[in-house]
PDB file of N, CA and C in Angstrom:
ATOM      1  N   UNK A   1      16.213   5.686  28.461  1.00  0.00           N
ATOM      2  CA  UNK A   1      16.902   5.104  27.334  1.00  0.00           C
ATOM      3  C   UNK A   1      15.947   4.265  26.483  1.00  0.00           C
ATOM      4  N   UNK A   2      15.112   3.468  27.133  1.00  0.00           N
ATOM      5  CA  UNK A   2      14.153   2.637  26.403  1.00  0.00           C
ATOM      6  C   UNK A   2      13.182   3.520  25.625  1.00  0.00           C
ATOM      7  N   UNK A   3      12.763   4.623  26.248  1.00  0.00           N
ATOM      8  CA  UNK A   3      11.852   5.553  25.582  1.00  0.00           C
ATOM      9  C   UNK A   3      12.479   6.101  24.297  1.00  0.00           C
ATOM     10  N   UNK A   4      13.755   6.452  24.343  1.00  0.00           N
ATOM     11  CA  UNK A   4      14.435   6.975  23.165  1.00  0.00           C
ATOM     12  C   UNK A   4      14.502   5.933  22.059  1.00  0.00           C
ATOM     13  N   UNK A   5      14.739   4.685  22.428  1.00  0.00           N
ATOM     14  CA  UNK A   5      14.783   3.612  21.437  1.00  0.00           C
ATOM     15  C   UNK A   5      13.427   3.462  20.751  1.00  0.00           C
ATOM     16  N   UNK A   6      12.357   3.466  21.541  1.00  0.00           N
ATOM     17  CA  UNK A   6      11.007   3.334  20.982  1.00  0.00           C
ATOM     18  C   UNK A   6      10.706   4.523  20.073  1.00  0.00           C
ATOM     19  N   UNK A   7      11.058   5.712  20.514  1.00  0.00           N
ATOM     20  CA  UNK A   7      10.829   6.911  19.718  1.00  0.00           C
ATOM     21  C   UNK A   7      11.599   6.843  18.396  1.00  0.00           C
ATOM     22  N   UNK A   8      12.838   6.403  18.442  1.00  0.00           N
ATOM     23  CA  UNK A   8      13.641   6.259  17.236  1.00  0.00           C
ATOM     24  C   UNK A   8      13.034   5.206  16.303  1.00  0.00           C
ATOM     25  N   UNK A   9      12.605   4.091  16.862  1.00  0.00           N
ATOM     26  CA  UNK A   9      12.011   3.021  16.058  1.00  0.00           C
ATOM     27  C   UNK A   9      10.751   3.510  15.354  1.00  0.00           C
ATOM     28  N   UNK A  10       9.915   4.254  16.050  1.00  0.00           N
ATOM     29  CA  UNK A  10       8.698   4.792  15.449  1.00  0.00           C
ATOM     30  C   UNK A  10       9.049   5.763  14.326  1.00  0.00           C
ATOM     31  N   UNK A  11      10.052   6.586  14.535  1.00  0.00           N
ATOM     32  CA  UNK A  11      10.480   7.528  13.500  1.00  0.00           C
ATOM     33  C   UNK A  11      10.990   6.830  12.256  1.00  0.00           C
ATOM     34  N   UNK A  12      11.765   5.788  12.448  1.00  0.00           N
ATOM     35  CA  UNK A  12      12.288   5.031  11.303  1.00  0.00           C
ATOM     36  C   UNK A  12      11.148   4.368  10.550  1.00  0.00           C
ATOM     37  N   UNK A  13      10.216   3.770  11.273  1.00  0.00           N
ATOM     38  CA  UNK A  13       9.081   3.130  10.617  1.00  0.00           C
ATOM     39  C   UNK A  13       8.220   4.137   9.875  1.00  0.00           C
ATOM     40  N   UNK A  14       8.041   5.301  10.430  1.00  0.00           N
ATOM     41  CA  UNK A  14       7.244   6.332   9.761  1.00  0.00           C
ATOM     42  C   UNK A  14       7.872   6.694   8.424  1.00  0.00           C
ATOM     43  N   UNK A  15       9.177   6.746   8.374  1.00  0.00           N
ATOM     44  CA  UNK A  15       9.860   7.049   7.126  1.00  0.00           C
ATOM     45  C   UNK A  15       9.729   5.942   6.103  1.00  0.00           C
ATOM     46  N   UNK A  16       9.542   4.724   6.551  1.00  0.00           N
ATOM     47  CA  UNK A  16       9.426   3.574   5.647  1.00  0.00           C
ATOM     48  C   UNK A  16       7.987   3.304   5.233  1.00  0.00           C
ATOM     49  N   UNK A  17       7.050   4.008   5.806  1.00  0.00           N
ATOM     50  CA  UNK A  17       5.648   3.668   5.597  1.00  0.00           C
ATOM     51  C   UNK A  17       5.106   4.061   4.245  1.00  0.00           C
ATOM     52  N   UNK A  18       5.694   5.008   3.576  1.00  0.00           N
ATOM     53  CA  UNK A  18       5.143   5.405   2.296  1.00  0.00           C
ATOM     54  C   UNK A  18       5.379   4.281   1.307  1.00  0.00           C
ATOM     55  N   UNK A  19       4.316   3.848   0.662  1.00  0.00           N
ATOM     56  CA  UNK A  19       4.439   2.782  -0.312  1.00  0.00           C
ATOM     57  C   UNK A  19       4.843   3.393  -1.643  1.00  0.00           C
ATOM     58  N   UNK A  20       5.858   2.857  -2.260  1.00  0.00           N
ATOM     59  CA  UNK A  20       6.315   3.432  -3.518  1.00  0.00           C
ATOM     60  C   UNK A  20       5.277   3.241  -4.616  1.00  0.00           C
ATOM     61  N   UNK A  21       5.158   4.245  -5.464  1.00  0.00           N
ATOM     62  CA  UNK A  21       4.270   4.123  -6.610  1.00  0.00           C
ATOM     63  C   UNK A  21       5.006   3.343  -7.677  1.00  0.00           C
ATOM     64  N   UNK A  22       4.407   2.278  -8.075  1.00  0.00           N
ATOM     65  CA  UNK A  22       5.027   1.427  -9.087  1.00  0.00           C
ATOM     66  C   UNK A  22       4.492   1.854 -10.449  1.00  0.00           C
ATOM     67  N   UNK A  23       5.346   1.847 -11.436  1.00  0.00           N
ATOM     68  CA  UNK A  23       4.945   2.195 -12.784  1.00  0.00           C
ATOM     69  C   UNK A  23       4.817   0.916 -13.601  1.00  0.00           C
ATOM     70  N   UNK A  24       3.768   0.869 -14.412  1.00  0.00           N
ATOM     71  CA  UNK A  24       3.436  -0.333 -15.156  1.00  0.00           C
ATOM     72  C   UNK A  24       3.409  -0.040 -16.649  1.00  0.00           C
ATOM     73  N   UNK A  25       3.581  -1.087 -17.434  1.00  0.00           N
ATOM     74  CA  UNK A  25       3.449  -0.944 -18.885  1.00  0.00           C
ATOM     75  C   UNK A  25       2.729  -2.166 -19.445  1.00  0.00           C
ATOM     76  N   UNK A  26       2.148  -1.981 -20.624  1.00  0.00           N
ATOM     77  CA  UNK A  26       1.424  -3.048 -21.306  1.00  0.00           C
ATOM     78  C   UNK A  26       1.812  -2.985 -22.781  1.00  0.00           C
ATOM     79  N   UNK A  27       2.003  -4.138 -23.378  1.00  0.00           N
ATOM     80  CA  UNK A  27       2.465  -4.176 -24.769  1.00  0.00           C
ATOM     81  C   UNK A  27       1.414  -3.697 -25.762  1.00  0.00           C
ATOM     82  N   UNK A  28       0.139  -3.965 -25.501  1.00  0.00           N
ATOM     83  CA  UNK A  28      -0.884  -3.681 -26.509  1.00  0.00           C
ATOM     84  C   UNK A  28      -1.841  -2.558 -26.125  1.00  0.00           C
ATOM     85  N   UNK A  29      -1.891  -2.181 -24.873  1.00  0.00           N
ATOM     86  CA  UNK A  29      -2.797  -1.117 -24.437  1.00  0.00           C
ATOM     87  C   UNK A  29      -2.075   0.222 -24.565  1.00  0.00           C
ATOM     88  N   UNK A  30      -2.746   1.248 -25.111  1.00  0.00           N
ATOM     89  CA  UNK A  30      -2.097   2.557 -25.252  1.00  0.00           C
ATOM     90  C   UNK A  30      -1.652   3.111 -23.893  1.00  0.00           C
ATOM     91  N   UNK A  31      -0.524   3.783 -23.882  1.00  0.00           N
ATOM     92  CA  UNK A  31       0.043   4.291 -22.621  1.00  0.00           C
ATOM     93  C   UNK A  31      -0.886   5.275 -21.923  1.00  0.00           C
ATOM     94  N   UNK A  32      -1.763   5.941 -22.667  1.00  0.00           N
ATOM     95  CA  UNK A  32      -2.698   6.885 -22.056  1.00  0.00           C
ATOM     96  C   UNK A  32      -3.668   6.184 -21.100  1.00  0.00           C
ATOM     97  N   UNK A  33      -3.880   4.898 -21.288  1.00  0.00           N
ATOM     98  CA  UNK A  33      -4.827   4.143 -20.463  1.00  0.00           C
ATOM     99  C   UNK A  33      -4.170   3.536 -19.227  1.00  0.00           C
ATOM    100  N   UNK A  34      -2.867   3.457 -19.180  1.00  0.00           N
ATOM    101  CA  UNK A  34      -2.168   2.787 -18.082  1.00  0.00           C
ATOM    102  C   UNK A  34      -2.521   3.389 -16.732  1.00  0.00           C
ATOM    103  N   UNK A  35      -2.531   4.696 -16.635  1.00  0.00           N
ATOM    104  CA  UNK A  35      -2.830   5.368 -15.364  1.00  0.00           C
ATOM    105  C   UNK A  35      -4.251   5.098 -14.890  1.00  0.00           C
ATOM    106  N   UNK A  36      -5.208   5.118 -15.820  1.00  0.00           N
ATOM    107  CA  UNK A  36      -6.596   4.865 -15.407  1.00  0.00           C
ATOM    108  C   UNK A  36      -6.778   3.418 -14.959  1.00  0.00           C
ATOM    109  N   UNK A  37      -6.081   2.480 -15.598  1.00  0.00           N
ATOM    110  CA  UNK A  37      -6.155   1.086 -15.158  1.00  0.00           C
ATOM    111  C   UNK A  37      -5.557   0.933 -13.757  1.00  0.00           C
ATOM    112  N   UNK A  38      -4.453   1.635 -13.495  1.00  0.00           N
ATOM    113  CA  UNK A  38      -3.851   1.560 -12.168  1.00  0.00           C
ATOM    114  C   UNK A  38      -4.787   2.167 -11.123  1.00  0.00           C
ATOM    115  N   UNK A  39      -5.444   3.268 -11.447  1.00  0.00           N
ATOM    116  CA  UNK A  39      -6.396   3.870 -10.497  1.00  0.00           C
ATOM    117  C   UNK A  39      -7.568   2.935 -10.231  1.00  0.00           C
ATOM    118  N   UNK A  40      -8.026   2.216 -11.263  1.00  0.00           N
ATOM    119  CA  UNK A  40      -9.104   1.229 -11.062  1.00  0.00           C
ATOM    120  C   UNK A  40      -8.651   0.139 -10.087  1.00  0.00           C
ATOM    121  N   UNK A  41      -7.427  -0.328 -10.273  1.00  0.00           N
ATOM    122  CA  UNK A  41      -6.897  -1.357  -9.380  1.00  0.00           C
ATOM    123  C   UNK A  41      -6.752  -0.816  -7.959  1.00  0.00           C
ATOM    124  N   UNK A  42      -6.331   0.439  -7.809  1.00  0.00           N
ATOM    125  CA  UNK A  42      -6.205   1.040  -6.482  1.00  0.00           C
ATOM    126  C   UNK A  42      -7.568   1.155  -5.809  1.00  0.00           C
ATOM    127  N   UNK A  43      -8.576   1.574  -6.553  1.00  0.00           N
ATOM    128  CA  UNK A  43      -9.920   1.670  -5.968  1.00  0.00           C
ATOM    129  C   UNK A  43     -10.451   0.295  -5.560  1.00  0.00           C
ATOM    130  N   UNK A  44     -10.190  -0.713  -6.390  1.00  0.00           N
ATOM    131  CA  UNK A  44     -10.625  -2.077  -6.052  1.00  0.00           C
ATOM    132  C   UNK A  44      -9.933  -2.553  -4.774  1.00  0.00           C
ATOM    133  N   UNK A  45      -8.643  -2.264  -4.649  1.00  0.00           N
ATOM    134  CA  UNK A  45      -7.899  -2.656  -3.446  1.00  0.00           C
ATOM    135  C   UNK A  45      -8.425  -1.912  -2.223  1.00  0.00           C
ATOM    136  N   UNK A  46      -8.738  -0.639  -2.375  1.00  0.00           N
ATOM    137  CA  UNK A  46      -9.293   0.138  -1.264  1.00  0.00           C
ATOM    138  C   UNK A  46     -10.648  -0.416  -0.830  1.00  0.00           C
ATOM    139  N   UNK A  47     -11.472  -0.795  -1.805  1.00  0.00           N
ATOM    140  CA  UNK A  47     -12.772  -1.398  -1.462  1.00  0.00           C
ATOM    141  C   UNK A  47     -12.561  -2.709  -0.705  1.00  0.00           C
ATOM    142  N   UNK A  48     -11.638  -3.534  -1.178  1.00  0.00           N
ATOM    143  CA  UNK A  48     -11.360  -4.809  -0.526  1.00  0.00           C
ATOM    144  C   UNK A  48     -10.887  -4.587   0.907  1.00  0.00           C
ATOM    145  N   UNK A  49      -9.930  -3.687   1.079  1.00  0.00           N
ATOM    146  CA  UNK A  49      -9.400  -3.433   2.418  1.00  0.00           C
ATOM    147  C   UNK A  49     -10.445  -2.797   3.317  1.00  0.00           C
ATOM    148  N   UNK A  50     -11.366  -2.055   2.745  1.00  0.00           N
ATOM    149  CA  UNK A  50     -12.443  -1.450   3.525  1.00  0.00           C
ATOM    150  C   UNK A  50     -13.385  -2.490   4.097  1.00  0.00           C
ATOM    151  N   UNK A  51     -13.495  -3.632   3.443  1.00  0.00           N
ATOM    152  CA  UNK A  51     -14.361  -4.705   3.924  1.00  0.00           C
ATOM    153  C   UNK A  51     -13.657  -5.614   4.922  1.00  0.00           C
ATOM    154  N   UNK A  52     -12.341  -5.578   4.949  1.00  0.00           N
ATOM    155  CA  UNK A  52     -11.564  -6.456   5.822  1.00  0.00           C
ATOM    156  C   UNK A  52     -11.294  -5.748   7.150  1.00  0.00           C
ATOM    157  N   UNK A  53     -11.921  -6.225   8.203  1.00  0.00           N
ATOM    158  CA  UNK A  53     -11.810  -5.547   9.505  1.00  0.00           C
ATOM    159  C   UNK A  53     -10.406  -5.597  10.081  1.00  0.00           C
ATOM    160  N   UNK A  54      -9.537  -6.485   9.587  1.00  0.00           N
ATOM    161  CA  UNK A  54      -8.155  -6.531  10.068  1.00  0.00           C
ATOM    162  C   UNK A  54      -7.400  -5.251   9.721  1.00  0.00           C
ATOM    163  N   UNK A  55      -7.883  -4.518   8.737  1.00  0.00           N
ATOM    164  CA  UNK A  55      -7.170  -3.325   8.288  1.00  0.00           C
ATOM    165  C   UNK A  55      -7.828  -2.034   8.751  1.00  0.00           C
ATOM    166  N   UNK A  56      -8.822  -2.106   9.614  1.00  0.00           N
ATOM    167  CA  UNK A  56      -9.472  -0.902  10.138  1.00  0.00           C
ATOM    168  C   UNK A  56      -8.703  -0.372  11.337  1.00  0.00           C
ATOM    169  N   UNK A  57      -8.748   0.935  11.498  1.00  0.00           N
ATOM    170  CA  UNK A  57      -8.080   1.572  12.638  1.00  0.00           C
ATOM    171  C   UNK A  57      -8.795   1.191  13.925  1.00  0.00           C
ATOM    172  N   UNK A  58      -8.028   1.008  14.957  1.00  0.00           N
ATOM    173  CA  UNK A  58      -8.555   0.704  16.282  1.00  0.00           C
ATOM    174  C   UNK A  58      -8.127   1.840  17.198  1.00  0.00           C
ATOM    175  N   UNK A  59      -9.070   2.515  17.775  1.00  0.00           N
ATOM    176  CA  UNK A  59      -8.757   3.689  18.593  1.00  0.00           C
ATOM    177  C   UNK A  59      -7.945   3.345  19.830  1.00  0.00           C
ATOM    178  N   UNK A  60      -7.886   2.103  20.213  1.00  0.00           N
ATOM    179  CA  UNK A  60      -7.149   1.719  21.404  1.00  0.00           C
ATOM    180  C   UNK A  60      -5.678   1.386  21.147  1.00  0.00           C
ATOM    181  N   UNK A  61      -5.206   1.551  19.919  1.00  0.00           N
ATOM    182  CA  UNK A  61      -3.824   1.197  19.605  1.00  0.00           C
ATOM    183  C   UNK A  61      -2.856   2.267  20.090  1.00  0.00           C
ATOM    184  N   UNK A  62      -1.684   1.818  20.493  1.00  0.00           N
ATOM    185  CA  UNK A  62      -0.614   2.762  20.824  1.00  0.00           C
ATOM    186  C   UNK A  62      -0.116   3.382  19.517  1.00  0.00           C
ATOM    187  N   UNK A  63       0.655   4.436  19.620  1.00  0.00           N
ATOM    188  CA  UNK A  63       1.185   5.097  18.423  1.00  0.00           C
ATOM    189  C   UNK A  63       2.016   4.114  17.598  1.00  0.00           C
ATOM    190  N   UNK A  64       2.823   3.318  18.278  1.00  0.00           N
ATOM    191  CA  UNK A  64       3.659   2.333  17.584  1.00  0.00           C
ATOM    192  C   UNK A  64       2.787   1.307  16.855  1.00  0.00           C
ATOM    193  N   UNK A  65       1.779   0.771  17.547  1.00  0.00           N
ATOM    194  CA  UNK A  65       0.915  -0.238  16.929  1.00  0.00           C
ATOM    195  C   UNK A  65       0.119   0.339  15.766  1.00  0.00           C
ATOM    196  N   UNK A  66      -0.276   1.595  15.875  1.00  0.00           N
ATOM    197  CA  UNK A  66      -1.001   2.232  14.775  1.00  0.00           C
ATOM    198  C   UNK A  66      -0.086   2.388  13.559  1.00  0.00           C
ATOM    199  N   UNK A  67       1.156   2.760  13.790  1.00  0.00           N
ATOM    200  CA  UNK A  67       2.116   2.865  12.680  1.00  0.00           C
ATOM    201  C   UNK A  67       2.343   1.496  12.030  1.00  0.00           C
ATOM    202  N   UNK A  68       2.439   0.480  12.843  1.00  0.00           N
ATOM    203  CA  UNK A  68       2.616  -0.873  12.297  1.00  0.00           C
ATOM    204  C   UNK A  68       1.386  -1.292  11.494  1.00  0.00           C
ATOM    205  N   UNK A  69       0.204  -0.942  11.981  1.00  0.00           N
ATOM    206  CA  UNK A  69      -1.033  -1.254  11.252  1.00  0.00           C
ATOM    207  C   UNK A  69      -1.028  -0.543   9.900  1.00  0.00           C
ATOM    208  N   UNK A  70      -0.647   0.725   9.891  1.00  0.00           N
ATOM    209  CA  UNK A  70      -0.589   1.483   8.647  1.00  0.00           C
ATOM    210  C   UNK A  70       0.440   0.882   7.683  1.00  0.00           C
ATOM    211  N   UNK A  71       1.560   0.446   8.219  1.00  0.00           N
ATOM    212  CA  UNK A  71       2.583  -0.186   7.404  1.00  0.00           C
ATOM    213  C   UNK A  71       2.042  -1.457   6.745  1.00  0.00           C
ATOM    214  N   UNK A  72       1.343  -2.276   7.518  1.00  0.00           N
ATOM    215  CA  UNK A  72       0.766  -3.515   6.988  1.00  0.00           C
ATOM    216  C   UNK A  72      -0.294  -3.226   5.933  1.00  0.00           C
ATOM    217  N   UNK A  73      -1.107  -2.201   6.168  1.00  0.00           N
ATOM    218  CA  UNK A  73      -2.124  -1.817   5.183  1.00  0.00           C
ATOM    219  C   UNK A  73      -1.442  -1.391   3.883  1.00  0.00           C
ATOM    220  N   UNK A  74      -0.374  -0.617   3.980  1.00  0.00           N
ATOM    221  CA  UNK A  74       0.354  -0.190   2.791  1.00  0.00           C
ATOM    222  C   UNK A  74       0.938  -1.359   2.015  1.00  0.00           C
ATOM    223  N   UNK A  75       1.502  -2.322   2.726  1.00  0.00           N
ATOM    224  CA  UNK A  75       2.051  -3.513   2.063  1.00  0.00           C
ATOM    225  C   UNK A  75       0.950  -4.288   1.346  1.00  0.00           C
ATOM    226  N   UNK A  76      -0.179  -4.465   2.030  1.00  0.00           N
ATOM    227  CA  UNK A  76      -1.287  -5.216   1.433  1.00  0.00           C
ATOM    228  C   UNK A  76      -1.846  -4.477   0.225  1.00  0.00           C
ATOM    229  N   UNK A  77      -1.929  -3.157   0.311  1.00  0.00           N
ATOM    230  CA  UNK A  77      -2.426  -2.351  -0.800  1.00  0.00           C
ATOM    231  C   UNK A  77      -1.519  -2.510  -2.021  1.00  0.00           C
ATOM    232  N   UNK A  78      -0.214  -2.435  -1.801  1.00  0.00           N
ATOM    233  CA  UNK A  78       0.742  -2.601  -2.900  1.00  0.00           C
ATOM    234  C   UNK A  78       0.602  -3.979  -3.528  1.00  0.00           C
ATOM    235  N   UNK A  79       0.436  -4.996  -2.708  1.00  0.00           N
ATOM    236  CA  UNK A  79       0.277  -6.367  -3.207  1.00  0.00           C
ATOM    237  C   UNK A  79      -1.003  -6.503  -4.031  1.00  0.00           C
ATOM    238  N   UNK A  80      -2.121  -5.967  -3.529  1.00  0.00           N
ATOM    239  CA  UNK A  80      -3.398  -6.082  -4.229  1.00  0.00           C
ATOM    240  C   UNK A  80      -3.385  -5.338  -5.564  1.00  0.00           C
ATOM    241  N   UNK A  81      -2.813  -4.140  -5.572  1.00  0.00           N
ATOM    242  CA  UNK A  81      -2.736  -3.373  -6.823  1.00  0.00           C
ATOM    243  C   UNK A  81      -1.846  -4.112  -7.819  1.00  0.00           C
ATOM    244  N   UNK A  82      -0.725  -4.633  -7.362  1.00  0.00           N
ATOM    245  CA  UNK A  82       0.165  -5.388  -8.242  1.00  0.00           C
ATOM    246  C   UNK A  82      -0.510  -6.620  -8.833  1.00  0.00           C
ATOM    247  N   UNK A  83      -1.232  -7.344  -8.000  1.00  0.00           N
ATOM    248  CA  UNK A  83      -1.957  -8.530  -8.487  1.00  0.00           C
ATOM    249  C   UNK A  83      -2.980  -8.143  -9.546  1.00  0.00           C
ATOM    250  N   UNK A  84      -3.706  -7.068  -9.295  1.00  0.00           N
ATOM    251  CA  UNK A  84      -4.728  -6.591 -10.226  1.00  0.00           C
ATOM    252  C   UNK A  84      -4.097  -6.182 -11.556  1.00  0.00           C
ATOM    253  N   UNK A  85      -3.005  -5.439 -11.503  1.00  0.00           N
ATOM    254  CA  UNK A  85      -2.356  -4.991 -12.733  1.00  0.00           C
ATOM    255  C   UNK A  85      -1.803  -6.173 -13.527  1.00  0.00           C
ATOM    256  N   UNK A  86      -1.237  -7.139 -12.843  1.00  0.00           N
ATOM    257  CA  UNK A  86      -0.712  -8.319 -13.538  1.00  0.00           C
ATOM    258  C   UNK A  86      -1.844  -9.105 -14.200  1.00  0.00           C
ATOM    259  N   UNK A  87      -2.992  -9.194 -13.536  1.00  0.00           N
ATOM    260  CA  UNK A  87      -4.144  -9.890 -14.124  1.00  0.00           C
ATOM    261  C   UNK A  87      -4.623  -9.190 -15.389  1.00  0.00           C
ATOM    262  N   UNK A  88      -4.399  -7.885 -15.458  1.00  0.00           N
ATOM    263  CA  UNK A  88      -4.773  -7.124 -16.655  1.00  0.00           C
ATOM    264  C   UNK A  88      -3.704  -7.197 -17.740  1.00  0.00           C
ATOM    265  N   UNK A  89      -2.609  -7.889 -17.465  1.00  0.00           N
ATOM    266  CA  UNK A  89      -1.573  -8.065 -18.463  1.00  0.00           C
ATOM    267  C   UNK A  89      -0.426  -7.078 -18.399  1.00  0.00           C
ATOM    268  N   UNK A  90      -0.376  -6.275 -17.328  1.00  0.00           N
ATOM    269  CA  UNK A  90       0.702  -5.294 -17.178  1.00  0.00           C
ATOM    270  C   UNK A  90       1.930  -5.937 -16.549  1.00  0.00           C
ATOM    271  N   UNK A  91       3.070  -5.332 -16.820  1.00  0.00           N
ATOM    272  CA  UNK A  91       4.320  -5.725 -16.155  1.00  0.00           C
ATOM    273  C   UNK A  91       4.930  -4.473 -15.522  1.00  0.00           C
ATOM    274  N   UNK A  92       5.564  -4.634 -14.361  1.00  0.00           N
ATOM    275  CA  UNK A  92       6.160  -3.453 -13.703  1.00  0.00           C
ATOM    276  C   UNK A  92       7.391  -2.972 -14.467  1.00  0.00           C
ATOM    277  N   UNK A  93       7.569  -1.654 -14.490  1.00  0.00           N
ATOM    278  CA  UNK A  93       8.746  -1.062 -15.136  1.00  0.00           C
ATOM    279  C   UNK A  93       9.966  -1.142 -14.244  1.00  0.00           C
ATOM    280  N   UNK A  94       9.771  -1.093 -12.919  1.00  0.00           N
ATOM    281  CA  UNK A  94      10.914  -1.068 -12.008  1.00  0.00           C
ATOM    282  C   UNK A  94      11.138  -2.383 -11.340  1.00  0.00           C
TER     283      UNK A  94
END
């Protein structure tokens, strides 16, 4: 029974792990540039997370702990990209 609960919990978390793509807009920058600015922010966030050892995979993690690590990385990535876009003067559409 405990095994089934753990398996169900991992499945639910896996479904929640995808970070939603947020859409941004800027009052003065042409809309054609919005996507490239977001990609720049994503690359900057990836570089930052690549330097932070707290977000690196650990081969000794259980499947559950690895999913939780991935979930935390996704949350941090969304936060970093959002901060970067706001610093550039963008506001989220959603």
